[in-house]
N, C-alpha and C. Protein backbone atom coordinates (compact mmCIF):
# COMPACT_ATOMS: atom_id res chain seq x y z
N UNK A 1 167.08 40.15 50.32
CA UNK A 1 168.50 40.03 49.97
C UNK A 1 168.98 38.58 50.09
N UNK A 2 168.59 37.94 51.21
CA UNK A 2 169.03 36.57 51.43
C UNK A 2 168.40 35.63 50.40
N UNK A 3 167.10 35.86 50.11
CA UNK A 3 166.43 35.03 49.11
C UNK A 3 167.10 35.18 47.74
N UNK A 4 167.48 36.42 47.41
CA UNK A 4 168.15 36.67 46.13
C UNK A 4 169.51 35.97 46.07
N UNK A 5 170.24 36.01 47.19
CA UNK A 5 171.54 35.34 47.23
C UNK A 5 171.38 33.82 47.10
N UNK A 6 170.35 33.28 47.76
CA UNK A 6 170.08 31.85 47.61
C UNK A 6 169.77 31.51 46.15
N UNK A 7 168.98 32.37 45.50
CA UNK A 7 168.63 32.13 44.10
C UNK A 7 169.87 32.18 43.20
N UNK A 8 170.71 33.21 43.42
CA UNK A 8 171.94 33.33 42.62
C UNK A 8 172.85 32.14 42.86
N UNK A 9 172.97 31.74 44.12
CA UNK A 9 173.82 30.60 44.46
C UNK A 9 173.29 29.32 43.82
N UNK A 10 171.98 29.17 43.81
CA UNK A 10 171.37 27.98 43.19
C UNK A 10 171.62 27.98 41.68
N UNK A 11 171.45 29.15 41.05
CA UNK A 11 171.68 29.24 39.60
C UNK A 11 173.14 28.92 39.26
N UNK A 12 174.06 29.48 40.05
CA UNK A 12 175.48 29.21 39.80
C UNK A 12 175.80 27.73 39.99
N UNK A 13 175.21 27.13 41.01
CA UNK A 13 175.44 25.70 41.24
C UNK A 13 174.92 24.86 40.08
N UNK A 14 173.73 25.23 39.57
CA UNK A 14 173.16 24.50 38.43
C UNK A 14 174.05 24.66 37.20
N UNK A 15 174.52 25.89 36.96
CA UNK A 15 175.39 26.14 35.80
C UNK A 15 176.68 25.35 35.92
N UNK A 16 177.29 25.36 37.11
CA UNK A 16 178.52 24.59 37.32
C UNK A 16 178.28 23.10 37.12
N UNK A 17 177.15 22.61 37.64
CA UNK A 17 176.82 21.19 37.49
C UNK A 17 176.64 20.82 36.02
N UNK A 18 175.93 21.67 35.27
CA UNK A 18 175.69 21.38 33.85
C UNK A 18 176.99 21.43 33.04
N UNK A 19 177.94 22.25 33.47
CA UNK A 19 179.22 22.30 32.76
C UNK A 19 180.10 21.11 33.11
N UNK A 20 179.97 20.63 34.34
CA UNK A 20 180.81 19.50 34.77
C UNK A 20 180.25 18.16 34.30
N UNK A 21 178.93 18.06 34.23
CA UNK A 21 178.28 16.81 33.83
C UNK A 21 177.58 17.03 32.49
N UNK A 22 177.95 16.22 31.50
CA UNK A 22 177.36 16.38 30.17
C UNK A 22 176.00 15.70 30.13
N UNK A 23 174.95 16.52 29.98
CA UNK A 23 173.58 16.01 29.88
C UNK A 23 173.02 16.49 28.55
N UNK A 24 173.11 15.65 27.55
CA UNK A 24 172.62 16.03 26.22
C UNK A 24 173.33 17.27 25.71
N UNK A 25 172.55 18.19 25.11
CA UNK A 25 173.15 19.42 24.57
C UNK A 25 173.21 20.56 25.58
N UNK A 26 172.90 20.27 26.87
CA UNK A 26 172.82 21.35 27.86
C UNK A 26 174.18 22.01 28.10
N UNK A 27 175.26 21.19 28.09
CA UNK A 27 176.59 21.77 28.34
C UNK A 27 176.94 22.78 27.25
N UNK A 28 176.72 22.40 25.98
CA UNK A 28 177.02 23.32 24.88
C UNK A 28 176.16 24.57 24.97
N UNK A 29 174.89 24.39 25.38
CA UNK A 29 173.99 25.53 25.50
C UNK A 29 174.46 26.49 26.59
N UNK A 30 174.88 25.94 27.73
CA UNK A 30 175.38 26.77 28.83
C UNK A 30 176.66 27.50 28.42
N UNK A 31 177.56 26.77 27.74
CA UNK A 31 178.82 27.38 27.33
C UNK A 31 178.57 28.51 26.33
N UNK A 32 177.65 28.29 25.39
CA UNK A 32 177.33 29.35 24.43
C UNK A 32 176.70 30.56 25.13
N UNK A 33 175.86 30.28 26.13
CA UNK A 33 175.24 31.38 26.87
C UNK A 33 176.30 32.19 27.61
N UNK A 34 177.26 31.50 28.23
CA UNK A 34 178.34 32.20 28.92
C UNK A 34 179.23 32.95 27.94
N UNK A 35 179.41 32.39 26.75
CA UNK A 35 180.18 33.10 25.71
C UNK A 35 179.51 34.43 25.37
N UNK A 36 178.20 34.39 25.25
CA UNK A 36 177.47 35.63 24.94
C UNK A 36 177.54 36.63 26.10
N UNK A 37 177.52 36.09 27.33
CA UNK A 37 177.62 36.98 28.50
C UNK A 37 178.97 37.68 28.53
N UNK A 38 180.02 36.96 28.11
CA UNK A 38 181.37 37.52 28.15
C UNK A 38 181.66 38.44 26.96
N UNK A 39 180.71 38.56 26.05
CA UNK A 39 180.91 39.45 24.91
C UNK A 39 180.37 40.84 25.22
N UNK A 40 180.94 41.83 24.58
CA UNK A 40 180.45 43.20 24.73
C UNK A 40 180.67 43.76 26.13
N UNK A 41 179.59 44.27 26.72
CA UNK A 41 179.68 44.88 28.05
C UNK A 41 179.47 43.87 29.17
N UNK A 42 179.30 42.62 28.83
CA UNK A 42 179.06 41.59 29.84
C UNK A 42 180.13 41.51 30.91
N UNK A 43 181.42 41.40 30.53
CA UNK A 43 182.47 41.30 31.55
C UNK A 43 182.50 42.50 32.50
N UNK A 44 182.30 43.70 31.95
CA UNK A 44 182.31 44.90 32.81
C UNK A 44 181.15 44.86 33.80
N UNK A 45 179.99 44.41 33.33
CA UNK A 45 178.82 44.31 34.22
C UNK A 45 179.06 43.30 35.32
N UNK A 46 179.64 42.15 34.94
CA UNK A 46 179.93 41.10 35.94
C UNK A 46 180.93 41.61 36.96
N UNK A 47 181.95 42.33 36.49
CA UNK A 47 182.94 42.87 37.43
C UNK A 47 182.30 43.88 38.38
N UNK A 48 181.40 44.69 37.84
CA UNK A 48 180.72 45.68 38.68
C UNK A 48 179.89 44.99 39.76
N UNK A 49 179.15 43.95 39.36
CA UNK A 49 178.33 43.22 40.33
C UNK A 49 179.21 42.54 41.38
N UNK A 50 180.32 41.94 40.90
CA UNK A 50 181.23 41.27 41.84
C UNK A 50 181.86 42.28 42.80
N UNK A 51 182.21 43.45 42.28
CA UNK A 51 182.77 44.49 43.15
C UNK A 51 181.77 44.97 44.18
N UNK A 52 180.53 45.15 43.74
CA UNK A 52 179.48 45.58 44.68
C UNK A 52 179.26 44.54 45.77
N UNK A 53 179.22 43.26 45.35
CA UNK A 53 179.03 42.20 46.33
C UNK A 53 180.21 42.12 47.29
N UNK A 54 181.42 42.37 46.77
CA UNK A 54 182.60 42.35 47.64
C UNK A 54 182.51 43.46 48.69
N UNK A 55 182.05 44.64 48.25
CA UNK A 55 181.89 45.75 49.20
C UNK A 55 180.85 45.41 50.26
N UNK A 56 179.72 44.83 49.81
CA UNK A 56 178.67 44.44 50.76
C UNK A 56 179.20 43.37 51.71
N UNK A 57 180.01 42.44 51.16
CA UNK A 57 180.60 41.39 51.99
C UNK A 57 181.50 41.99 53.06
N UNK A 58 182.33 42.95 52.67
CA UNK A 58 183.20 43.60 53.64
C UNK A 58 182.38 44.36 54.69
N UNK A 59 181.30 44.99 54.23
CA UNK A 59 180.43 45.71 55.16
C UNK A 59 179.79 44.75 56.16
N UNK A 60 179.35 43.60 55.66
CA UNK A 60 178.74 42.60 56.56
C UNK A 60 179.76 42.08 57.56
N UNK A 61 180.99 41.84 57.07
CA UNK A 61 182.04 41.36 57.98
C UNK A 61 182.36 42.39 59.05
N UNK A 62 182.40 43.66 58.62
CA UNK A 62 182.66 44.73 59.60
C UNK A 62 181.52 44.82 60.62
N UNK A 63 180.29 44.64 60.14
CA UNK A 63 179.14 44.67 61.06
C UNK A 63 179.23 43.51 62.04
N UNK A 64 179.63 42.34 61.55
CA UNK A 64 179.79 41.18 62.44
C UNK A 64 180.83 41.46 63.51
N UNK A 65 181.95 42.05 63.08
CA UNK A 65 183.02 42.36 64.03
C UNK A 65 182.55 43.39 65.06
N UNK A 66 181.81 44.40 64.60
CA UNK A 66 181.30 45.43 65.52
C UNK A 66 180.36 44.84 66.55
N UNK A 67 179.46 43.97 66.06
CA UNK A 67 178.50 43.35 66.99
C UNK A 67 179.23 42.47 68.00
N UNK A 68 180.24 41.74 67.53
CA UNK A 68 181.00 40.90 68.45
C UNK A 68 181.76 41.75 69.48
N UNK A 69 182.33 42.85 69.01
CA UNK A 69 183.05 43.74 69.94
C UNK A 69 182.09 44.35 70.97
N UNK A 70 180.92 44.72 70.48
CA UNK A 70 179.91 45.29 71.38
C UNK A 70 179.49 44.26 72.43
N UNK A 71 179.28 43.02 71.97
CA UNK A 71 178.91 41.97 72.90
C UNK A 71 180.02 41.66 73.88
N UNK A 72 181.28 41.75 73.37
CA UNK A 72 182.41 41.49 74.27
C UNK A 72 182.52 42.56 75.35
N UNK A 73 182.21 43.80 74.99
CA UNK A 73 182.27 44.88 75.98
C UNK A 73 181.17 44.74 77.03
N UNK A 74 179.96 44.40 76.56
CA UNK A 74 178.82 44.28 77.47
C UNK A 74 178.81 42.93 78.19
N UNK A 75 179.56 42.00 77.69
CA UNK A 75 179.59 40.67 78.30
C UNK A 75 178.56 39.73 77.71
N UNK A 76 177.60 40.27 77.02
CA UNK A 76 176.58 39.45 76.37
C UNK A 76 175.96 40.26 75.24
N UNK A 77 175.32 39.53 74.28
CA UNK A 77 174.67 40.20 73.16
C UNK A 77 173.16 40.17 73.37
N UNK A 78 172.56 41.28 73.03
CA UNK A 78 171.10 41.35 73.13
C UNK A 78 170.47 40.49 72.03
N UNK A 79 169.21 40.11 72.21
CA UNK A 79 168.54 39.31 71.17
C UNK A 79 168.57 40.00 69.80
N UNK A 80 168.43 41.32 69.79
CA UNK A 80 168.47 42.06 68.52
C UNK A 80 169.84 41.94 67.87
N UNK A 81 170.90 42.09 68.71
CA UNK A 81 172.25 41.95 68.18
C UNK A 81 172.51 40.54 67.67
N UNK A 82 171.97 39.56 68.37
CA UNK A 82 172.14 38.17 67.92
C UNK A 82 171.49 37.94 66.56
N UNK A 83 170.28 38.51 66.41
CA UNK A 83 169.59 38.37 65.11
C UNK A 83 170.38 39.06 64.02
N UNK A 84 170.86 40.28 64.30
CA UNK A 84 171.65 41.02 63.31
C UNK A 84 172.95 40.27 62.99
N UNK A 85 173.57 39.74 64.05
CA UNK A 85 174.84 39.02 63.85
C UNK A 85 174.64 37.79 62.95
N UNK A 86 173.57 37.05 63.23
CA UNK A 86 173.28 35.86 62.43
C UNK A 86 172.90 36.25 60.99
N UNK A 87 172.15 37.35 60.88
CA UNK A 87 171.75 37.79 59.53
C UNK A 87 172.98 38.21 58.72
N UNK A 88 173.84 39.01 59.34
CA UNK A 88 175.06 39.44 58.63
C UNK A 88 175.96 38.25 58.32
N UNK A 89 176.05 37.31 59.25
CA UNK A 89 176.88 36.13 59.02
C UNK A 89 176.34 35.30 57.86
N UNK A 90 175.01 35.14 57.82
CA UNK A 90 174.40 34.39 56.73
C UNK A 90 174.61 35.10 55.39
N UNK A 91 174.40 36.43 55.41
CA UNK A 91 174.61 37.19 54.17
C UNK A 91 176.07 37.11 53.71
N UNK A 92 176.99 37.26 54.67
CA UNK A 92 178.41 37.20 54.31
C UNK A 92 178.77 35.82 53.77
N UNK A 93 178.24 34.78 54.41
CA UNK A 93 178.52 33.41 53.94
C UNK A 93 177.97 33.20 52.54
N UNK A 94 176.72 33.63 52.34
CA UNK A 94 176.10 33.46 51.02
C UNK A 94 176.85 34.25 49.95
N UNK A 95 177.23 35.49 50.27
CA UNK A 95 177.96 36.29 49.29
C UNK A 95 179.34 35.70 49.01
N UNK A 96 179.98 35.20 50.06
CA UNK A 96 181.29 34.56 49.85
C UNK A 96 181.18 33.34 48.96
N UNK A 97 180.18 32.49 49.26
CA UNK A 97 179.98 31.31 48.42
C UNK A 97 179.58 31.70 47.00
N UNK A 98 178.77 32.76 46.88
CA UNK A 98 178.34 33.21 45.55
C UNK A 98 179.53 33.70 44.73
N UNK A 99 180.39 34.51 45.36
CA UNK A 99 181.58 34.99 44.65
C UNK A 99 182.51 33.84 44.29
N UNK A 100 182.70 32.94 45.24
CA UNK A 100 183.58 31.80 44.98
C UNK A 100 183.02 30.92 43.86
N UNK A 101 181.72 30.65 43.92
CA UNK A 101 181.10 29.80 42.90
C UNK A 101 181.09 30.51 41.55
N UNK A 102 180.91 31.84 41.56
CA UNK A 102 180.99 32.59 40.31
C UNK A 102 182.37 32.50 39.68
N UNK A 103 183.40 32.64 40.54
CA UNK A 103 184.78 32.49 40.05
C UNK A 103 185.00 31.08 39.52
N UNK A 104 184.45 30.09 40.23
CA UNK A 104 184.60 28.70 39.81
C UNK A 104 183.92 28.46 38.46
N UNK A 105 182.72 29.02 38.29
CA UNK A 105 182.01 28.90 37.02
C UNK A 105 182.81 29.54 35.89
N UNK A 106 183.39 30.70 36.16
CA UNK A 106 184.20 31.39 35.15
C UNK A 106 185.40 30.55 34.74
N UNK A 107 186.09 29.97 35.73
CA UNK A 107 187.27 29.15 35.41
C UNK A 107 186.88 27.87 34.67
N UNK A 108 185.77 27.25 35.11
CA UNK A 108 185.32 26.03 34.43
C UNK A 108 184.99 26.34 32.97
N UNK A 109 184.29 27.45 32.77
CA UNK A 109 183.95 27.85 31.40
C UNK A 109 185.20 28.12 30.58
N UNK A 110 186.16 28.79 31.19
CA UNK A 110 187.41 29.12 30.49
C UNK A 110 188.14 27.85 30.04
N UNK A 111 188.28 26.90 30.98
CA UNK A 111 189.03 25.69 30.65
C UNK A 111 188.24 24.76 29.73
N UNK A 112 186.91 24.75 29.86
CA UNK A 112 186.11 23.95 28.93
C UNK A 112 186.21 24.51 27.52
N UNK A 113 186.21 25.83 27.40
CA UNK A 113 186.36 26.46 26.09
C UNK A 113 187.72 26.11 25.48
N UNK A 114 188.76 26.16 26.33
CA UNK A 114 190.09 25.77 25.84
C UNK A 114 190.11 24.31 25.41
N UNK A 115 189.46 23.47 26.24
CA UNK A 115 189.41 22.04 25.92
C UNK A 115 188.67 21.79 24.61
N UNK A 116 187.59 22.51 24.40
CA UNK A 116 186.84 22.36 23.15
C UNK A 116 187.66 22.83 21.95
N UNK A 117 188.40 23.92 22.14
CA UNK A 117 189.27 24.40 21.05
C UNK A 117 190.36 23.37 20.74
N UNK A 118 190.94 22.80 21.80
CA UNK A 118 191.99 21.79 21.60
C UNK A 118 191.41 20.57 20.89
N UNK A 119 190.20 20.17 21.30
CA UNK A 119 189.58 19.01 20.66
C UNK A 119 189.28 19.28 19.19
N UNK A 120 188.80 20.49 18.91
CA UNK A 120 188.52 20.83 17.51
C UNK A 120 189.80 20.83 16.69
N UNK A 121 190.89 21.37 17.29
CA UNK A 121 192.17 21.36 16.59
C UNK A 121 192.68 19.94 16.40
N UNK A 122 192.49 19.12 17.45
CA UNK A 122 192.91 17.72 17.34
C UNK A 122 192.09 17.00 16.27
N UNK A 123 190.78 17.33 16.23
CA UNK A 123 189.94 16.72 15.19
C UNK A 123 190.41 17.11 13.80
N UNK A 124 190.73 18.41 13.64
CA UNK A 124 191.23 18.87 12.34
C UNK A 124 192.57 18.21 12.02
N UNK A 125 193.43 18.11 13.05
CA UNK A 125 194.74 17.46 12.84
C UNK A 125 194.56 15.99 12.49
N UNK A 126 193.58 15.35 13.15
CA UNK A 126 193.33 13.94 12.87
C UNK A 126 192.84 13.76 11.44
N UNK A 127 191.93 14.65 11.01
CA UNK A 127 191.44 14.58 9.63
C UNK A 127 192.58 14.82 8.64
N UNK A 128 193.44 15.80 8.98
CA UNK A 128 194.59 16.08 8.11
C UNK A 128 195.52 14.88 8.06
N UNK A 129 195.73 14.24 9.24
CA UNK A 129 196.59 13.07 9.30
C UNK A 129 196.01 11.92 8.47
N UNK A 130 194.69 11.71 8.61
CA UNK A 130 194.04 10.66 7.83
C UNK A 130 194.14 10.95 6.34
N UNK A 131 194.00 12.24 5.99
CA UNK A 131 194.13 12.63 4.59
C UNK A 131 195.53 12.36 4.07
N UNK A 132 196.54 12.70 4.90
CA UNK A 132 197.92 12.44 4.50
C UNK A 132 198.19 10.95 4.39
N UNK A 133 197.62 10.17 5.33
CA UNK A 133 197.79 8.72 5.27
C UNK A 133 197.16 8.16 3.99
N UNK A 134 195.99 8.70 3.65
CA UNK A 134 195.31 8.25 2.44
C UNK A 134 196.14 8.60 1.21
N UNK A 135 196.66 9.83 1.18
CA UNK A 135 197.51 10.24 0.05
C UNK A 135 198.77 9.38 0.00
N UNK A 136 199.32 9.08 1.18
CA UNK A 136 200.51 8.24 1.23
C UNK A 136 200.21 6.85 0.68
N UNK A 137 199.04 6.31 1.06
CA UNK A 137 198.64 5.00 0.56
C UNK A 137 198.45 5.01 -0.95
N UNK A 138 197.80 6.09 -1.43
CA UNK A 138 197.61 6.21 -2.88
C UNK A 138 198.95 6.33 -3.60
N UNK A 139 199.87 7.10 -3.02
CA UNK A 139 201.19 7.25 -3.61
C UNK A 139 201.93 5.91 -3.62
N UNK A 140 201.77 5.17 -2.52
CA UNK A 140 202.41 3.85 -2.44
C UNK A 140 201.86 2.92 -3.51
N UNK A 141 200.52 2.96 -3.68
CA UNK A 141 199.90 2.13 -4.70
C UNK A 141 200.39 2.52 -6.10
N UNK A 142 200.51 3.84 -6.32
CA UNK A 142 201.01 4.31 -7.61
C UNK A 142 202.45 3.85 -7.83
N UNK A 143 203.25 3.92 -6.76
CA UNK A 143 204.64 3.47 -6.87
C UNK A 143 204.71 1.98 -7.19
N UNK A 144 203.86 1.20 -6.50
CA UNK A 144 203.84 -0.23 -6.78
C UNK A 144 203.41 -0.50 -8.22
N UNK A 145 202.40 0.25 -8.66
CA UNK A 145 201.93 0.09 -10.04
C UNK A 145 203.03 0.47 -11.02
N UNK A 146 203.72 1.58 -10.72
CA UNK A 146 204.82 2.02 -11.59
C UNK A 146 205.95 1.00 -11.59
N UNK A 147 206.23 0.42 -10.41
CA UNK A 147 207.28 -0.60 -10.33
C UNK A 147 206.92 -1.82 -11.18
N UNK A 148 205.65 -2.22 -11.11
CA UNK A 148 205.21 -3.35 -11.93
C UNK A 148 205.33 -3.03 -13.41
N UNK A 149 204.91 -1.80 -13.78
CA UNK A 149 205.01 -1.40 -15.18
C UNK A 149 206.47 -1.35 -15.63
N UNK A 150 207.34 -0.85 -14.74
CA UNK A 150 208.77 -0.79 -15.08
C UNK A 150 209.33 -2.20 -15.26
N UNK A 151 208.91 -3.12 -14.37
CA UNK A 151 209.37 -4.51 -14.47
C UNK A 151 208.92 -5.13 -15.79
N UNK A 152 207.65 -4.87 -16.15
CA UNK A 152 207.12 -5.40 -17.42
C UNK A 152 207.89 -4.81 -18.60
N UNK A 153 208.15 -3.49 -18.53
CA UNK A 153 208.89 -2.84 -19.62
C UNK A 153 210.31 -3.37 -19.71
N UNK A 154 210.93 -3.62 -18.55
CA UNK A 154 212.28 -4.18 -18.56
C UNK A 154 212.29 -5.57 -19.20
N UNK A 155 211.26 -6.37 -18.87
CA UNK A 155 211.17 -7.69 -19.49
C UNK A 155 210.99 -7.57 -21.00
N UNK A 156 210.11 -6.64 -21.41
CA UNK A 156 209.89 -6.44 -22.85
C UNK A 156 211.16 -5.96 -23.53
N UNK A 157 211.90 -5.05 -22.85
CA UNK A 157 213.15 -4.56 -23.42
C UNK A 157 214.17 -5.68 -23.54
N UNK A 158 214.22 -6.54 -22.52
CA UNK A 158 215.13 -7.69 -22.59
C UNK A 158 214.76 -8.60 -23.74
N UNK A 159 213.46 -8.81 -23.90
CA UNK A 159 212.99 -9.65 -25.00
C UNK A 159 213.34 -9.04 -26.35
N UNK A 160 213.10 -7.71 -26.45
CA UNK A 160 213.43 -7.02 -27.70
C UNK A 160 214.93 -7.05 -27.97
N UNK A 161 215.72 -6.90 -26.89
CA UNK A 161 217.18 -6.95 -27.05
C UNK A 161 217.62 -8.31 -27.58
N UNK A 162 217.03 -9.36 -27.02
CA UNK A 162 217.35 -10.71 -27.50
C UNK A 162 216.95 -10.89 -28.96
N UNK A 163 215.77 -10.36 -29.31
CA UNK A 163 215.33 -10.47 -30.70
C UNK A 163 216.26 -9.69 -31.64
N UNK A 164 216.70 -8.51 -31.16
CA UNK A 164 217.63 -7.71 -31.98
C UNK A 164 218.94 -8.47 -32.18
N UNK A 165 219.43 -9.08 -31.08
CA UNK A 165 220.66 -9.87 -31.20
C UNK A 165 220.48 -11.03 -32.18
N UNK A 166 219.32 -11.68 -32.07
CA UNK A 166 219.03 -12.80 -32.96
C UNK A 166 218.97 -12.34 -34.42
N UNK A 167 218.28 -11.21 -34.64
CA UNK A 167 218.20 -10.68 -36.00
C UNK A 167 219.57 -10.25 -36.51
N UNK A 168 220.38 -9.71 -35.60
CA UNK A 168 221.72 -9.30 -36.00
C UNK A 168 222.55 -10.51 -36.43
N UNK A 169 222.43 -11.60 -35.63
CA UNK A 169 223.15 -12.82 -35.99
C UNK A 169 222.67 -13.37 -37.33
N UNK A 170 221.34 -13.37 -37.51
CA UNK A 170 220.79 -13.84 -38.79
C UNK A 170 221.28 -12.96 -39.94
N UNK A 171 221.31 -11.64 -39.67
CA UNK A 171 221.78 -10.73 -40.71
C UNK A 171 223.24 -10.98 -41.05
N UNK A 172 224.05 -11.23 -40.01
CA UNK A 172 225.46 -11.53 -40.26
C UNK A 172 225.62 -12.82 -41.06
N UNK A 173 224.80 -13.82 -40.69
CA UNK A 173 224.86 -15.08 -41.44
C UNK A 173 224.46 -14.87 -42.90
N UNK A 174 223.41 -14.07 -43.10
CA UNK A 174 222.98 -13.80 -44.48
C UNK A 174 224.05 -13.03 -45.24
N UNK A 175 224.69 -12.08 -44.53
CA UNK A 175 225.76 -11.32 -45.18
C UNK A 175 226.91 -12.25 -45.60
N UNK A 176 227.21 -13.20 -44.70
CA UNK A 176 228.27 -14.16 -45.04
C UNK A 176 227.87 -14.99 -46.26
N UNK A 177 226.59 -15.41 -46.28
CA UNK A 177 226.12 -16.19 -47.43
C UNK A 177 226.18 -15.37 -48.71
N UNK A 178 225.80 -14.09 -48.58
CA UNK A 178 225.85 -13.21 -49.76
C UNK A 178 227.29 -13.03 -50.24
N UNK A 179 228.20 -12.84 -49.27
CA UNK A 179 229.61 -12.69 -49.64
C UNK A 179 230.12 -13.96 -50.32
N UNK A 180 229.72 -15.11 -49.77
CA UNK A 180 230.13 -16.39 -50.37
C UNK A 180 229.58 -16.53 -51.78
N UNK A 181 228.30 -16.14 -51.93
CA UNK A 181 227.67 -16.23 -53.25
C UNK A 181 228.35 -15.28 -54.23
N UNK A 182 228.68 -14.08 -53.76
CA UNK A 182 229.36 -13.12 -54.63
C UNK A 182 230.72 -13.65 -55.05
N UNK A 183 231.43 -14.25 -54.08
CA UNK A 183 232.74 -14.83 -54.42
C UNK A 183 232.59 -15.96 -55.45
N UNK A 184 231.54 -16.76 -55.27
CA UNK A 184 231.29 -17.85 -56.21
C UNK A 184 230.96 -17.31 -57.60
N UNK A 185 230.17 -16.22 -57.61
CA UNK A 185 229.83 -15.59 -58.89
C UNK A 185 231.08 -15.06 -59.58
N UNK A 186 231.95 -14.42 -58.80
CA UNK A 186 233.20 -13.89 -59.37
C UNK A 186 234.04 -15.03 -59.95
N UNK A 187 234.08 -16.13 -59.18
CA UNK A 187 234.85 -17.28 -59.66
C UNK A 187 234.27 -17.83 -60.96
N UNK A 188 232.94 -17.90 -61.01
CA UNK A 188 232.28 -18.39 -62.23
C UNK A 188 232.54 -17.44 -63.40
N UNK A 189 232.51 -16.12 -63.08
CA UNK A 189 232.78 -15.15 -64.14
C UNK A 189 234.20 -15.32 -64.69
N UNK A 190 235.15 -15.54 -63.77
CA UNK A 190 236.53 -15.76 -64.22
C UNK A 190 236.63 -17.02 -65.08
N UNK A 191 235.94 -18.06 -64.59
CA UNK A 191 235.98 -19.33 -65.33
C UNK A 191 235.35 -19.17 -66.72
N UNK A 192 234.24 -18.39 -66.75
CA UNK A 192 233.58 -18.16 -68.04
C UNK A 192 234.49 -17.37 -68.97
N UNK A 193 235.19 -16.39 -68.40
CA UNK A 193 236.10 -15.59 -69.22
C UNK A 193 237.23 -16.46 -69.77
N UNK A 194 237.73 -17.33 -68.92
CA UNK A 194 238.80 -18.23 -69.37
C UNK A 194 238.29 -19.16 -70.46
N UNK A 195 237.06 -19.65 -70.28
CA UNK A 195 236.48 -20.53 -71.30
C UNK A 195 236.29 -19.79 -72.62
N UNK A 196 235.88 -18.53 -72.54
CA UNK A 196 235.71 -17.74 -73.76
C UNK A 196 237.04 -17.54 -74.47
N UNK A 197 238.05 -17.26 -73.66
CA UNK A 197 239.38 -17.09 -74.26
C UNK A 197 239.84 -18.39 -74.93
N UNK A 198 239.58 -19.49 -74.23
CA UNK A 198 239.98 -20.79 -74.78
C UNK A 198 239.18 -21.09 -76.05
N UNK A 199 237.91 -20.70 -76.05
CA UNK A 199 237.06 -20.92 -77.22
C UNK A 199 237.56 -20.08 -78.40
N UNK A 200 237.90 -18.82 -78.10
CA UNK A 200 238.42 -17.95 -79.17
C UNK A 200 239.73 -18.52 -79.73
N UNK A 201 240.56 -19.02 -78.83
CA UNK A 201 241.84 -19.58 -79.29
C UNK A 201 241.62 -20.80 -80.17
N UNK A 202 240.72 -21.68 -79.73
CA UNK A 202 240.43 -22.88 -80.52
C UNK A 202 239.80 -22.52 -81.86
N UNK A 203 238.94 -21.51 -81.83
CA UNK A 203 238.29 -21.08 -83.07
C UNK A 203 239.32 -20.53 -84.04
N UNK A 204 240.27 -19.79 -83.51
CA UNK A 204 241.32 -19.22 -84.35
C UNK A 204 242.21 -20.33 -84.92
N UNK A 205 242.52 -21.31 -84.10
CA UNK A 205 243.34 -22.43 -84.59
C UNK A 205 242.59 -23.21 -85.67
N UNK A 206 241.31 -23.35 -85.48
CA UNK A 206 240.51 -24.08 -86.46
C UNK A 206 240.49 -23.34 -87.79
N UNK A 207 240.40 -22.04 -87.73
CA UNK A 207 240.42 -21.26 -88.96
C UNK A 207 241.78 -21.36 -89.64
N UNK A 208 242.82 -21.36 -88.82
CA UNK A 208 244.16 -21.47 -89.39
C UNK A 208 244.34 -22.81 -90.06
N UNK A 209 243.80 -23.85 -89.47
CA UNK A 209 243.94 -25.18 -90.04
C UNK A 209 243.15 -25.29 -91.34
N UNK A 210 242.05 -24.65 -91.43
CA UNK A 210 241.24 -24.71 -92.64
C UNK A 210 241.92 -23.97 -93.79
N UNK A 211 242.66 -22.96 -93.50
CA UNK A 211 243.35 -22.24 -94.55
C UNK A 211 244.63 -22.96 -94.92
């Protein structure tokens, strides 16, 4: 019994040490092993073993108390009682340490699992944040590119507006020239008509003089 308790205590100490100190992939291996133990009927089995050990621990403590009471009544303990007392005390100590270390291993595993989950979530959040930052940077670059294109288009529109104004002015000047030319043509037509009338009058006078 004592050898078995020493073995269990040693195994629990090794498991606790491997979970507290990261040595290569051993921590992940131990955590996965404990995950498998806690699946299915594992927790019920562990509780049963812990309950049995607690009962044995209480029995050992009661035996220690009985032996002490017996020794107190007799004034001294016999060698046999001393051996039994020491044996029960050792067993009780080992079982107490085993239960305590088992509880400690369970809590360490629980919090390490939580820590790993938090780290994985943080890793995912970090990746998501980096992705958002990248998208933000791309959007910023697109906005800058769009701003440059808008600036170029505004310059082109200003240039086109100036050209339109220039063409409009040229068109107005040409229209004025056309109007002036038309007025000149009308004046020439009037002058030609007057000359024709004068020619007809002179021709008529000439005919009258000849007759």
